[in-house]
N, C-alpha and C. Protein backbone atom coordinates (compact mmCIF):
# COMPACT_ATOMS: atom_id res chain seq x y z
N MET A 1 -26.04 9.39 -24.89
CA MET A 1 -26.40 9.68 -23.39
C MET A 1 -27.59 10.65 -23.39
N THR A 2 -28.56 10.33 -22.54
CA THR A 2 -29.68 11.26 -22.45
C THR A 2 -29.33 12.57 -21.56
N SER A 3 -30.21 13.53 -21.56
CA SER A 3 -29.87 14.72 -20.96
C SER A 3 -30.05 14.38 -19.52
N SER A 4 -29.62 15.35 -18.55
CA SER A 4 -29.64 15.24 -17.24
C SER A 4 -30.97 15.41 -16.63
N SER A 5 -32.06 15.94 -17.38
CA SER A 5 -33.34 16.16 -16.97
C SER A 5 -34.08 14.75 -17.18
N THR A 6 -33.78 13.85 -17.78
CA THR A 6 -34.44 12.51 -17.92
C THR A 6 -33.57 11.49 -17.27
N THR A 7 -34.23 10.35 -16.95
CA THR A 7 -33.54 9.13 -16.33
C THR A 7 -32.93 8.47 -17.41
N PRO A 8 -31.59 8.40 -17.09
CA PRO A 8 -30.73 7.54 -18.16
C PRO A 8 -31.14 6.08 -18.14
N ALA A 9 -31.12 5.44 -19.25
CA ALA A 9 -31.34 4.03 -19.43
C ALA A 9 -30.63 3.18 -18.38
N PRO A 10 -31.20 2.23 -17.73
CA PRO A 10 -30.51 1.37 -16.69
C PRO A 10 -29.46 0.52 -17.37
N LEU A 11 -28.42 0.28 -16.66
CA LEU A 11 -27.25 -0.60 -16.99
C LEU A 11 -27.21 -1.83 -16.06
N ASP A 12 -26.64 -2.79 -16.48
CA ASP A 12 -26.32 -3.84 -15.51
C ASP A 12 -25.00 -3.49 -14.89
N VAL A 13 -24.09 -2.88 -15.64
CA VAL A 13 -22.73 -2.50 -15.00
C VAL A 13 -22.22 -1.22 -15.65
N ALA A 14 -21.68 -0.38 -14.76
CA ALA A 14 -20.81 0.70 -15.29
C ALA A 14 -19.36 0.42 -15.04
N VAL A 15 -18.53 0.55 -16.04
CA VAL A 15 -17.16 0.37 -16.05
C VAL A 15 -16.59 1.69 -15.95
N VAL A 16 -15.71 1.99 -15.04
CA VAL A 16 -15.10 3.37 -14.90
C VAL A 16 -13.57 3.18 -15.25
N GLY A 17 -13.26 3.72 -16.42
CA GLY A 17 -11.81 3.63 -16.97
C GLY A 17 -11.86 2.69 -18.16
N VAL A 18 -11.26 3.09 -19.31
CA VAL A 18 -11.49 2.19 -20.60
C VAL A 18 -9.98 2.00 -21.07
N GLY A 19 -9.20 1.44 -20.15
CA GLY A 19 -7.89 0.96 -20.65
C GLY A 19 -8.06 -0.65 -20.91
N LEU A 20 -6.93 -1.35 -20.76
CA LEU A 20 -6.93 -2.77 -21.12
C LEU A 20 -8.01 -3.51 -20.35
N GLY A 21 -8.18 -3.19 -19.06
CA GLY A 21 -8.98 -3.99 -18.26
C GLY A 21 -10.44 -3.65 -18.43
N GLY A 22 -10.72 -2.24 -18.66
CA GLY A 22 -11.99 -1.80 -18.96
C GLY A 22 -12.65 -2.39 -20.30
N LEU A 23 -11.72 -2.42 -21.36
CA LEU A 23 -12.17 -2.91 -22.62
C LEU A 23 -12.50 -4.29 -22.39
N TYR A 24 -11.67 -5.14 -21.70
CA TYR A 24 -11.98 -6.47 -21.53
C TYR A 24 -13.24 -6.70 -20.61
N ALA A 25 -13.45 -5.81 -19.72
CA ALA A 25 -14.76 -6.01 -18.91
C ALA A 25 -15.92 -5.74 -19.90
N LEU A 26 -15.85 -4.74 -20.78
CA LEU A 26 -17.12 -4.54 -21.68
C LEU A 26 -17.23 -5.71 -22.46
N HIS A 27 -16.11 -6.22 -23.06
CA HIS A 27 -16.29 -7.48 -24.06
C HIS A 27 -16.95 -8.66 -23.27
N LYS A 28 -16.46 -8.93 -22.04
CA LYS A 28 -16.82 -9.96 -21.24
C LYS A 28 -18.28 -9.93 -20.68
N LEU A 29 -18.61 -8.75 -20.36
CA LEU A 29 -20.09 -8.40 -19.95
C LEU A 29 -21.00 -8.52 -21.02
N ARG A 30 -20.63 -8.05 -22.15
CA ARG A 30 -21.61 -8.18 -23.34
C ARG A 30 -21.73 -9.71 -23.60
N GLY A 31 -20.73 -10.30 -23.67
CA GLY A 31 -20.85 -11.81 -23.94
C GLY A 31 -21.56 -12.54 -22.93
N MET A 32 -21.85 -12.03 -21.75
CA MET A 32 -22.69 -12.56 -20.72
C MET A 32 -24.09 -12.10 -20.92
N GLY A 33 -24.47 -11.29 -21.89
CA GLY A 33 -25.85 -10.76 -22.10
C GLY A 33 -26.03 -9.59 -21.34
N MET A 34 -25.03 -8.95 -20.56
CA MET A 34 -25.38 -7.73 -19.82
C MET A 34 -25.13 -6.55 -20.51
N THR A 35 -25.88 -5.44 -20.11
CA THR A 35 -25.66 -4.15 -20.59
C THR A 35 -24.72 -3.38 -19.75
N ALA A 36 -23.68 -2.71 -20.56
CA ALA A 36 -22.59 -2.05 -19.81
C ALA A 36 -22.24 -0.87 -20.55
N ARG A 37 -21.69 0.03 -19.84
CA ARG A 37 -21.18 1.28 -20.47
C ARG A 37 -19.88 1.65 -19.73
N GLY A 38 -18.89 1.95 -20.57
CA GLY A 38 -17.54 2.36 -20.11
C GLY A 38 -17.46 3.88 -20.08
N TYR A 39 -16.93 4.38 -18.98
CA TYR A 39 -16.74 5.84 -18.71
C TYR A 39 -15.31 6.21 -18.73
N GLU A 40 -14.79 7.09 -19.62
CA GLU A 40 -13.42 7.34 -19.75
C GLU A 40 -13.19 8.95 -19.62
N ALA A 41 -12.29 9.28 -18.77
CA ALA A 41 -11.94 10.64 -18.55
C ALA A 41 -11.28 11.16 -19.79
N GLY A 42 -10.57 10.39 -20.48
CA GLY A 42 -9.73 10.91 -21.74
C GLY A 42 -10.55 11.13 -23.00
N SER A 43 -9.93 11.80 -23.92
CA SER A 43 -10.58 11.73 -25.23
C SER A 43 -10.30 10.67 -26.04
N GLY A 44 -9.67 9.61 -25.59
CA GLY A 44 -9.44 8.27 -26.32
C GLY A 44 -9.21 7.24 -25.29
N ILE A 45 -9.46 6.03 -25.80
CA ILE A 45 -9.29 4.88 -24.85
C ILE A 45 -7.84 4.44 -24.73
N GLY A 46 -7.66 3.59 -23.87
CA GLY A 46 -6.29 2.95 -23.79
C GLY A 46 -5.69 3.26 -22.33
N GLY A 47 -6.30 3.93 -21.39
CA GLY A 47 -5.77 4.08 -20.06
C GLY A 47 -4.45 4.56 -20.02
N THR A 48 -3.62 3.83 -19.45
CA THR A 48 -1.94 4.23 -19.31
C THR A 48 -1.51 4.42 -20.61
N TRP A 49 -1.88 3.69 -21.72
CA TRP A 49 -1.23 3.74 -22.90
C TRP A 49 -1.77 5.11 -23.78
N PHE A 50 -2.78 5.57 -23.32
CA PHE A 50 -3.34 6.70 -23.93
C PHE A 50 -2.69 8.00 -23.23
N TRP A 51 -2.53 8.00 -21.91
CA TRP A 51 -1.99 9.12 -21.17
C TRP A 51 -0.43 9.29 -21.26
N ASN A 52 0.24 8.11 -21.12
CA ASN A 52 1.57 8.27 -21.04
C ASN A 52 2.28 8.12 -22.50
N ARG A 53 2.56 9.37 -23.09
CA ARG A 53 2.99 9.50 -24.47
C ARG A 53 4.49 10.04 -24.44
N TYR A 54 5.34 9.79 -23.43
CA TYR A 54 6.60 10.37 -23.38
C TYR A 54 7.59 9.66 -24.19
N PRO A 55 8.50 10.16 -24.66
CA PRO A 55 9.50 9.63 -25.65
C PRO A 55 10.11 8.27 -25.08
N GLY A 56 10.09 7.32 -25.74
CA GLY A 56 10.72 5.95 -25.40
C GLY A 56 9.82 5.07 -24.50
N ALA A 57 8.47 5.37 -24.32
CA ALA A 57 7.48 4.67 -23.48
C ALA A 57 7.23 3.31 -24.21
N ARG A 58 7.35 2.33 -23.56
CA ARG A 58 7.26 1.00 -23.93
C ARG A 58 6.82 -0.06 -22.92
N CYS A 59 6.48 -1.12 -23.27
CA CYS A 59 5.93 -2.23 -22.35
C CYS A 59 7.26 -2.90 -21.86
N ASP A 60 7.26 -3.20 -20.55
CA ASP A 60 8.50 -4.01 -20.03
C ASP A 60 8.16 -5.49 -19.90
N ILE A 61 7.09 -5.93 -20.52
CA ILE A 61 6.90 -7.39 -20.66
C ILE A 61 6.89 -7.65 -21.97
N GLU A 62 7.02 -8.89 -22.52
CA GLU A 62 6.96 -9.24 -23.92
C GLU A 62 5.51 -8.81 -24.55
N SER A 63 5.50 -8.36 -25.64
CA SER A 63 4.25 -7.82 -26.27
C SER A 63 3.26 -8.97 -26.36
N LEU A 64 3.71 -10.27 -26.62
CA LEU A 64 2.69 -11.32 -26.81
C LEU A 64 1.89 -11.50 -25.53
N GLU A 65 2.60 -11.18 -24.30
CA GLU A 65 2.08 -11.40 -23.15
C GLU A 65 0.96 -10.34 -22.80
N TYR A 66 1.11 -9.26 -23.42
CA TYR A 66 0.05 -8.07 -23.38
C TYR A 66 -1.06 -8.29 -24.23
N SER A 67 -1.19 -9.27 -24.98
CA SER A 67 -2.17 -9.54 -25.88
C SER A 67 -3.54 -10.20 -25.13
N TYR A 68 -4.75 -9.82 -25.56
CA TYR A 68 -5.77 -10.51 -25.05
C TYR A 68 -5.79 -12.04 -25.48
N SER A 69 -6.27 -12.98 -24.78
CA SER A 69 -6.24 -14.23 -25.13
C SER A 69 -7.73 -14.79 -25.33
N PHE A 70 -8.67 -13.97 -25.30
CA PHE A 70 -10.11 -14.48 -25.45
C PHE A 70 -10.52 -14.68 -26.95
N SER A 71 -9.66 -14.37 -27.90
CA SER A 71 -9.87 -14.52 -29.25
C SER A 71 -8.87 -15.06 -30.07
N GLU A 72 -9.02 -16.26 -30.64
CA GLU A 72 -7.88 -16.98 -31.45
C GLU A 72 -7.73 -16.11 -32.63
N GLU A 73 -8.86 -15.68 -33.21
CA GLU A 73 -8.78 -14.81 -34.47
C GLU A 73 -7.94 -13.57 -34.27
N LEU A 74 -8.21 -12.87 -33.14
CA LEU A 74 -7.38 -11.60 -32.80
C LEU A 74 -5.88 -12.00 -32.57
N GLN A 75 -5.63 -13.15 -31.93
CA GLN A 75 -4.18 -13.57 -31.77
C GLN A 75 -3.51 -13.81 -33.06
N ASN A 76 -4.29 -14.35 -33.91
CA ASN A 76 -3.67 -14.78 -35.23
C ASN A 76 -3.50 -13.54 -36.24
N GLU A 77 -4.40 -12.50 -36.08
CA GLU A 77 -4.27 -11.44 -37.10
C GLU A 77 -3.33 -10.32 -36.55
N TRP A 78 -3.14 -10.22 -35.33
CA TRP A 78 -2.26 -9.04 -34.93
C TRP A 78 -0.89 -9.47 -34.84
N HIS A 79 0.00 -8.82 -35.43
CA HIS A 79 1.59 -8.96 -35.36
C HIS A 79 2.29 -7.91 -34.57
N TRP A 80 2.82 -8.23 -33.67
CA TRP A 80 3.62 -7.33 -32.75
C TRP A 80 5.02 -7.10 -33.42
N PRO A 81 5.36 -5.91 -33.82
CA PRO A 81 6.58 -5.77 -34.69
C PRO A 81 7.87 -5.71 -33.77
N GLU A 82 7.70 -5.72 -32.40
CA GLU A 82 8.92 -5.77 -31.49
C GLU A 82 8.66 -6.61 -30.39
N ARG A 83 9.59 -7.23 -29.81
CA ARG A 83 9.46 -8.06 -28.65
C ARG A 83 8.90 -7.32 -27.36
N TYR A 84 9.24 -6.00 -27.23
CA TYR A 84 8.81 -5.26 -26.27
C TYR A 84 8.21 -3.95 -26.94
N ALA A 85 6.94 -3.89 -27.11
CA ALA A 85 6.20 -2.96 -27.98
C ALA A 85 6.26 -1.49 -27.37
N THR A 86 6.34 -0.41 -28.32
CA THR A 86 6.28 0.89 -27.96
C THR A 86 4.87 1.43 -27.76
N GLN A 87 4.84 2.52 -26.82
CA GLN A 87 3.40 3.00 -26.50
C GLN A 87 2.53 3.25 -27.75
N PRO A 88 3.02 3.77 -28.88
CA PRO A 88 2.09 4.02 -30.12
C PRO A 88 1.63 2.61 -30.55
N VAL A 89 2.40 1.62 -30.58
CA VAL A 89 1.93 0.22 -31.07
C VAL A 89 1.00 -0.30 -30.14
N ILE A 90 1.13 -0.20 -28.83
CA ILE A 90 0.12 -0.84 -27.79
C ILE A 90 -1.15 0.03 -28.07
N LEU A 91 -1.00 1.37 -28.23
CA LEU A 91 -2.32 2.08 -28.31
C LEU A 91 -3.01 1.62 -29.63
N ASP A 92 -2.30 1.49 -30.67
CA ASP A 92 -2.75 0.93 -31.84
C ASP A 92 -3.69 -0.40 -31.69
N TYR A 93 -2.96 -1.34 -31.02
CA TYR A 93 -3.60 -2.61 -30.67
C TYR A 93 -4.79 -2.46 -29.84
N ILE A 94 -4.82 -1.51 -28.81
CA ILE A 94 -5.99 -1.26 -28.02
C ILE A 94 -7.19 -0.87 -28.93
N ASN A 95 -6.80 0.17 -29.95
CA ASN A 95 -7.76 0.72 -30.78
C ASN A 95 -8.46 -0.33 -31.72
N HIS A 96 -7.43 -1.18 -32.27
CA HIS A 96 -7.86 -2.31 -33.06
C HIS A 96 -8.80 -3.25 -32.46
N VAL A 97 -8.54 -3.50 -31.18
CA VAL A 97 -9.45 -4.53 -30.35
C VAL A 97 -10.95 -3.70 -30.21
N ALA A 98 -10.78 -2.53 -29.90
CA ALA A 98 -12.09 -1.64 -29.75
C ALA A 98 -13.03 -1.71 -30.89
N ASP A 99 -12.30 -1.53 -32.10
CA ASP A 99 -12.98 -1.51 -33.30
C ASP A 99 -13.43 -2.88 -33.73
N LYS A 100 -12.45 -3.88 -33.66
CA LYS A 100 -12.91 -5.34 -34.09
C LYS A 100 -14.06 -5.85 -33.43
N PHE A 101 -14.24 -5.54 -31.97
CA PHE A 101 -15.37 -6.07 -31.32
C PHE A 101 -16.40 -5.10 -31.15
N ASP A 102 -16.28 -3.83 -31.75
CA ASP A 102 -17.31 -2.85 -31.63
C ASP A 102 -17.77 -2.39 -30.33
N LEU A 103 -16.63 -2.26 -29.56
CA LEU A 103 -16.75 -1.88 -28.15
C LEU A 103 -17.11 -0.34 -27.98
N ARG A 104 -16.64 0.53 -28.93
CA ARG A 104 -16.92 1.93 -28.82
C ARG A 104 -18.22 2.31 -28.67
N ARG A 105 -19.10 1.54 -29.10
CA ARG A 105 -20.51 1.93 -28.94
C ARG A 105 -21.09 1.91 -27.43
N ASP A 106 -20.30 1.31 -26.60
CA ASP A 106 -20.57 1.35 -25.18
C ASP A 106 -19.60 2.01 -24.38
N ILE A 107 -18.95 3.05 -24.88
CA ILE A 107 -17.84 3.87 -24.30
C ILE A 107 -18.30 5.35 -24.56
N GLN A 108 -18.14 6.03 -23.31
CA GLN A 108 -18.45 7.48 -23.22
C GLN A 108 -17.14 8.04 -22.92
N LEU A 109 -16.55 8.82 -23.81
CA LEU A 109 -15.22 9.52 -23.66
C LEU A 109 -15.47 10.85 -22.92
N ASN A 110 -14.27 11.52 -22.53
CA ASN A 110 -14.42 12.92 -21.92
C ASN A 110 -15.40 12.97 -20.75
N THR A 111 -15.41 11.79 -19.91
CA THR A 111 -16.58 11.70 -18.95
C THR A 111 -15.69 11.22 -17.62
N ARG A 112 -15.58 12.14 -16.66
CA ARG A 112 -14.82 11.83 -15.47
C ARG A 112 -16.05 11.41 -14.36
N ILE A 113 -15.98 10.41 -13.78
CA ILE A 113 -16.93 10.02 -12.76
C ILE A 113 -16.43 10.69 -11.39
N ALA A 114 -17.32 11.43 -10.91
CA ALA A 114 -16.97 12.23 -9.68
C ALA A 114 -17.52 11.38 -8.43
N GLU A 115 -18.70 10.75 -8.67
CA GLU A 115 -19.37 10.11 -7.45
C GLU A 115 -20.19 8.88 -7.97
N ALA A 116 -20.10 7.82 -6.99
CA ALA A 116 -21.00 6.64 -7.14
C ALA A 116 -21.69 6.47 -6.04
N ARG A 117 -22.99 6.48 -5.99
CA ARG A 117 -23.76 6.23 -4.83
C ARG A 117 -24.63 5.08 -4.84
N PHE A 118 -24.64 4.26 -3.91
CA PHE A 118 -25.35 2.97 -3.97
C PHE A 118 -26.74 3.33 -3.15
N ASP A 119 -27.99 3.09 -3.72
CA ASP A 119 -29.30 3.13 -3.07
C ASP A 119 -29.51 1.77 -2.74
N ALA A 120 -29.42 1.60 -1.39
CA ALA A 120 -29.74 0.26 -0.78
C ALA A 120 -31.20 -0.15 -0.99
N ALA A 121 -31.98 0.81 -0.82
CA ALA A 121 -33.53 0.31 -1.08
C ALA A 121 -33.74 -0.18 -2.68
N ALA A 122 -33.29 0.56 -3.51
CA ALA A 122 -33.36 0.34 -4.91
C ALA A 122 -32.40 -0.76 -5.36
N ARG A 123 -31.42 -0.94 -4.60
CA ARG A 123 -30.20 -1.81 -4.97
C ARG A 123 -29.64 -1.41 -6.38
N LEU A 124 -29.42 -0.16 -6.58
CA LEU A 124 -28.86 0.38 -7.74
C LEU A 124 -27.67 1.38 -7.44
N TRP A 125 -26.79 1.47 -8.20
CA TRP A 125 -25.76 2.53 -8.27
C TRP A 125 -26.24 3.74 -9.18
N THR A 126 -25.91 4.97 -8.71
CA THR A 126 -26.06 6.07 -9.57
C THR A 126 -24.82 6.70 -9.63
N LEU A 127 -24.38 7.06 -10.85
CA LEU A 127 -23.09 7.67 -11.02
C LEU A 127 -23.29 9.19 -11.47
N ARG A 128 -22.44 10.07 -10.85
CA ARG A 128 -22.49 11.45 -11.27
C ARG A 128 -21.11 11.90 -11.79
N THR A 129 -21.27 12.59 -12.94
CA THR A 129 -20.01 12.96 -13.66
C THR A 129 -19.52 14.21 -12.94
N ARG A 130 -18.28 14.56 -13.33
CA ARG A 130 -17.75 15.85 -12.84
C ARG A 130 -18.53 17.01 -13.40
N ALA A 131 -19.16 16.96 -14.59
CA ALA A 131 -20.01 17.92 -15.18
C ALA A 131 -21.41 17.90 -14.62
N GLY A 132 -21.53 17.02 -13.59
CA GLY A 132 -22.95 17.14 -12.88
C GLY A 132 -23.95 16.21 -13.61
N ARG A 133 -23.75 15.59 -14.62
CA ARG A 133 -24.64 14.64 -15.23
C ARG A 133 -24.82 13.37 -14.52
N ARG A 134 -25.99 12.80 -14.69
CA ARG A 134 -26.27 11.59 -13.85
C ARG A 134 -26.06 10.53 -14.88
N SER A 135 -25.58 9.37 -14.60
CA SER A 135 -25.46 8.21 -15.38
C SER A 135 -25.85 7.00 -14.60
N GLY A 136 -26.33 5.96 -15.23
CA GLY A 136 -26.83 4.87 -14.65
C GLY A 136 -28.38 4.91 -14.76
N PRO A 137 -29.20 4.33 -13.89
CA PRO A 137 -28.66 3.52 -12.66
C PRO A 137 -28.00 2.28 -13.22
N ALA A 138 -27.28 1.65 -12.44
CA ALA A 138 -26.58 0.43 -12.65
C ALA A 138 -26.71 -0.50 -11.48
N THR A 139 -26.83 -1.84 -11.77
CA THR A 139 -26.88 -2.87 -10.74
C THR A 139 -25.47 -3.12 -10.10
N SER A 140 -24.47 -2.74 -10.86
CA SER A 140 -22.96 -2.97 -10.31
C SER A 140 -22.19 -1.85 -10.95
N SER A 141 -21.09 -1.59 -10.07
CA SER A 141 -20.11 -0.61 -10.48
C SER A 141 -18.85 -1.28 -10.52
N TRP A 142 -18.05 -1.12 -11.66
CA TRP A 142 -16.80 -1.77 -11.71
C TRP A 142 -15.76 -0.92 -12.05
N ARG A 143 -14.57 -0.92 -11.31
CA ARG A 143 -13.40 -0.13 -11.74
C ARG A 143 -12.30 -0.98 -12.18
N PRO A 144 -11.77 -0.88 -13.41
CA PRO A 144 -10.63 -1.59 -13.84
C PRO A 144 -9.38 -1.53 -12.92
N ALA A 145 -8.50 -2.42 -13.26
CA ALA A 145 -7.22 -2.41 -12.65
C ALA A 145 -6.44 -1.16 -12.75
N THR A 146 -5.80 -0.65 -11.86
CA THR A 146 -4.93 0.48 -11.90
C THR A 146 -3.59 0.11 -11.39
N SER A 147 -2.58 1.04 -11.56
CA SER A 147 -1.25 0.91 -11.04
C SER A 147 -1.45 1.14 -9.57
N ARG A 148 -2.22 1.85 -9.19
CA ARG A 148 -2.37 2.28 -7.81
C ARG A 148 -3.76 1.72 -7.35
N PRO A 149 -3.80 0.50 -6.60
CA PRO A 149 -5.18 -0.01 -6.11
C PRO A 149 -5.91 0.98 -5.39
N PRO A 150 -7.15 1.17 -5.79
CA PRO A 150 -8.08 2.08 -5.06
C PRO A 150 -8.63 1.53 -3.77
N ARG A 151 -8.89 2.40 -2.80
CA ARG A 151 -9.71 2.19 -1.68
C ARG A 151 -11.13 2.35 -1.96
N ALA A 152 -11.85 1.19 -1.77
CA ALA A 152 -13.34 1.23 -1.90
C ALA A 152 -13.95 2.18 -1.05
N ARG A 153 -14.98 2.93 -1.49
CA ARG A 153 -15.78 3.76 -0.57
C ARG A 153 -17.15 3.31 -0.74
N LEU A 154 -17.59 2.36 0.15
CA LEU A 154 -18.95 1.99 0.05
C LEU A 154 -19.77 2.22 1.24
N PRO A 155 -21.15 2.27 1.23
CA PRO A 155 -21.93 2.57 2.44
C PRO A 155 -21.51 1.64 3.47
N GLY A 156 -21.18 2.22 4.67
CA GLY A 156 -20.94 1.46 5.91
C GLY A 156 -19.54 0.92 5.95
N ASP A 157 -18.69 1.33 5.13
CA ASP A 157 -17.30 1.04 5.13
C ASP A 157 -16.42 1.74 6.09
N ARG A 158 -16.97 2.80 6.78
CA ARG A 158 -16.02 3.55 7.73
C ARG A 158 -15.39 2.58 8.71
N GLY A 159 -14.12 2.67 8.90
CA GLY A 159 -13.51 1.94 9.90
C GLY A 159 -13.15 0.48 9.48
N VAL A 160 -13.60 0.16 8.32
CA VAL A 160 -13.39 -1.23 7.83
C VAL A 160 -12.12 -1.22 6.92
N ARG A 161 -11.19 -2.12 7.35
CA ARG A 161 -9.98 -2.16 6.57
C ARG A 161 -9.96 -3.21 5.64
N GLY A 162 -9.99 -2.87 4.32
CA GLY A 162 -10.09 -3.89 3.25
C GLY A 162 -8.77 -4.35 2.74
N GLN A 163 -8.77 -5.14 1.86
CA GLN A 163 -7.46 -5.62 1.29
C GLN A 163 -7.62 -5.75 -0.28
N VAL A 164 -6.60 -5.17 -0.99
CA VAL A 164 -6.48 -5.28 -2.24
C VAL A 164 -5.78 -6.71 -2.61
N VAL A 165 -6.52 -7.30 -3.46
CA VAL A 165 -6.11 -8.77 -3.79
C VAL A 165 -5.77 -8.93 -5.18
N PRO A 166 -4.82 -9.91 -5.57
CA PRO A 166 -4.60 -10.17 -7.02
C PRO A 166 -5.80 -10.70 -7.59
N HIS A 167 -6.04 -10.41 -8.96
CA HIS A 167 -7.29 -10.77 -9.65
C HIS A 167 -7.60 -12.09 -9.55
N ARG A 168 -6.49 -13.03 -9.51
CA ARG A 168 -6.88 -14.45 -9.59
C ARG A 168 -7.60 -14.90 -8.42
N ALA A 169 -7.44 -14.22 -7.39
CA ALA A 169 -8.28 -14.41 -6.26
C ALA A 169 -9.78 -14.19 -6.30
N LEU A 170 -9.93 -13.20 -7.27
CA LEU A 170 -11.27 -12.86 -7.50
C LEU A 170 -11.85 -13.52 -8.72
N ALA A 171 -11.37 -14.53 -9.18
CA ALA A 171 -11.93 -15.24 -10.31
C ALA A 171 -13.20 -15.74 -9.99
N GLY A 172 -14.10 -15.50 -10.93
CA GLY A 172 -15.54 -16.04 -10.66
C GLY A 172 -16.35 -15.15 -9.75
N ARG A 173 -15.83 -14.00 -9.30
CA ARG A 173 -16.55 -13.16 -8.39
C ARG A 173 -16.93 -11.85 -9.03
N GLY A 174 -16.78 -11.96 -10.43
CA GLY A 174 -17.21 -10.55 -11.09
C GLY A 174 -16.16 -9.48 -11.40
N ALA A 175 -14.83 -9.85 -11.08
CA ALA A 175 -13.81 -8.83 -11.37
C ALA A 175 -12.92 -9.41 -12.38
N TRP A 176 -12.62 -8.63 -13.48
CA TRP A 176 -11.82 -9.09 -14.61
C TRP A 176 -10.76 -7.98 -14.75
N THR A 177 -9.58 -8.50 -15.07
CA THR A 177 -8.52 -7.57 -15.45
C THR A 177 -7.55 -8.19 -16.45
N SER A 178 -6.62 -7.58 -17.04
CA SER A 178 -5.66 -8.22 -17.85
C SER A 178 -4.63 -8.79 -17.23
N PRO A 179 -3.95 -9.79 -17.73
CA PRO A 179 -2.79 -10.35 -17.09
C PRO A 179 -1.70 -9.39 -16.76
N ALA A 180 -1.50 -8.44 -17.53
CA ALA A 180 -0.43 -7.38 -17.24
C ALA A 180 -0.68 -6.51 -16.15
N ARG A 181 -2.04 -6.42 -15.60
CA ARG A 181 -2.39 -5.42 -14.59
C ARG A 181 -3.19 -6.24 -13.54
N PRO A 182 -2.42 -6.85 -12.58
CA PRO A 182 -3.07 -7.79 -11.68
C PRO A 182 -3.84 -7.30 -10.49
N TRP A 183 -4.42 -6.03 -10.49
CA TRP A 183 -5.07 -5.67 -9.41
C TRP A 183 -6.44 -5.06 -9.75
N ALA A 184 -7.58 -5.53 -9.10
CA ALA A 184 -8.96 -5.14 -9.42
C ALA A 184 -9.75 -4.93 -8.24
N TRP A 185 -10.82 -4.12 -8.39
CA TRP A 185 -11.76 -3.86 -7.44
C TRP A 185 -13.08 -3.98 -8.02
N SER A 186 -13.94 -4.67 -7.41
CA SER A 186 -15.21 -4.81 -7.90
C SER A 186 -16.29 -4.52 -6.73
N ALA A 187 -17.22 -3.75 -7.09
CA ALA A 187 -18.23 -3.44 -6.03
C ALA A 187 -19.58 -4.11 -6.43
N PRO A 188 -19.95 -5.14 -5.69
CA PRO A 188 -21.19 -5.92 -6.10
C PRO A 188 -22.40 -5.15 -5.91
N ALA A 189 -23.39 -5.28 -6.74
CA ALA A 189 -24.55 -4.69 -6.66
C ALA A 189 -25.43 -5.07 -5.46
N ARG A 190 -25.36 -6.21 -5.11
CA ARG A 190 -26.16 -6.82 -3.92
C ARG A 190 -25.30 -7.18 -2.76
N PRO A 191 -25.03 -6.23 -1.87
CA PRO A 191 -24.19 -6.64 -0.57
C PRO A 191 -24.88 -7.88 0.05
N PRO A 192 -23.94 -8.63 0.62
CA PRO A 192 -24.50 -9.81 1.38
C PRO A 192 -25.60 -9.62 2.27
N SER A 193 -26.54 -10.57 2.09
CA SER A 193 -27.69 -10.44 3.21
C SER A 193 -27.28 -10.64 4.50
N ARG A 194 -28.00 -9.96 5.49
CA ARG A 194 -27.61 -10.15 6.81
C ARG A 194 -28.67 -11.09 7.58
């Protein structure tokens, strides 16, 4: 990351949150030839599985269903030791995926995004961290799926009532998420022309 006194390198997409959905977004965007950076508030990746470390934490769907399906090699090499994996095993899987696909080079840990501003004239997003550092500019901002769907705050959205939709409805529109976390929000870089 460059210092706040210089202009950061431009990105195609800024991914806020590096859990299962954020990791998949980084992998998918890279495969599309785009530059992306994931910003994670925690000191490690994994989202829910990084933060929730209480005794007995485990997945409530079968472990195999929690696997990424974009890589046959990954599917074949990873063995889930239990039908319903525990939090440490899921976090090990997430870290294995990040290492296998070299995703860490595009992740910035200990970075909480406090603000995302869209410059309509430049058609770019600028992110500011809670520490006051500027990130971006990015042509698109993406927030992975969460257990609590966010309300988008975009220029001109006052009084507009939006709808959070299952990710399948967003297929092909730039929003990706894991099958286990079906809600996504994507802010397109280029609002529809009027």
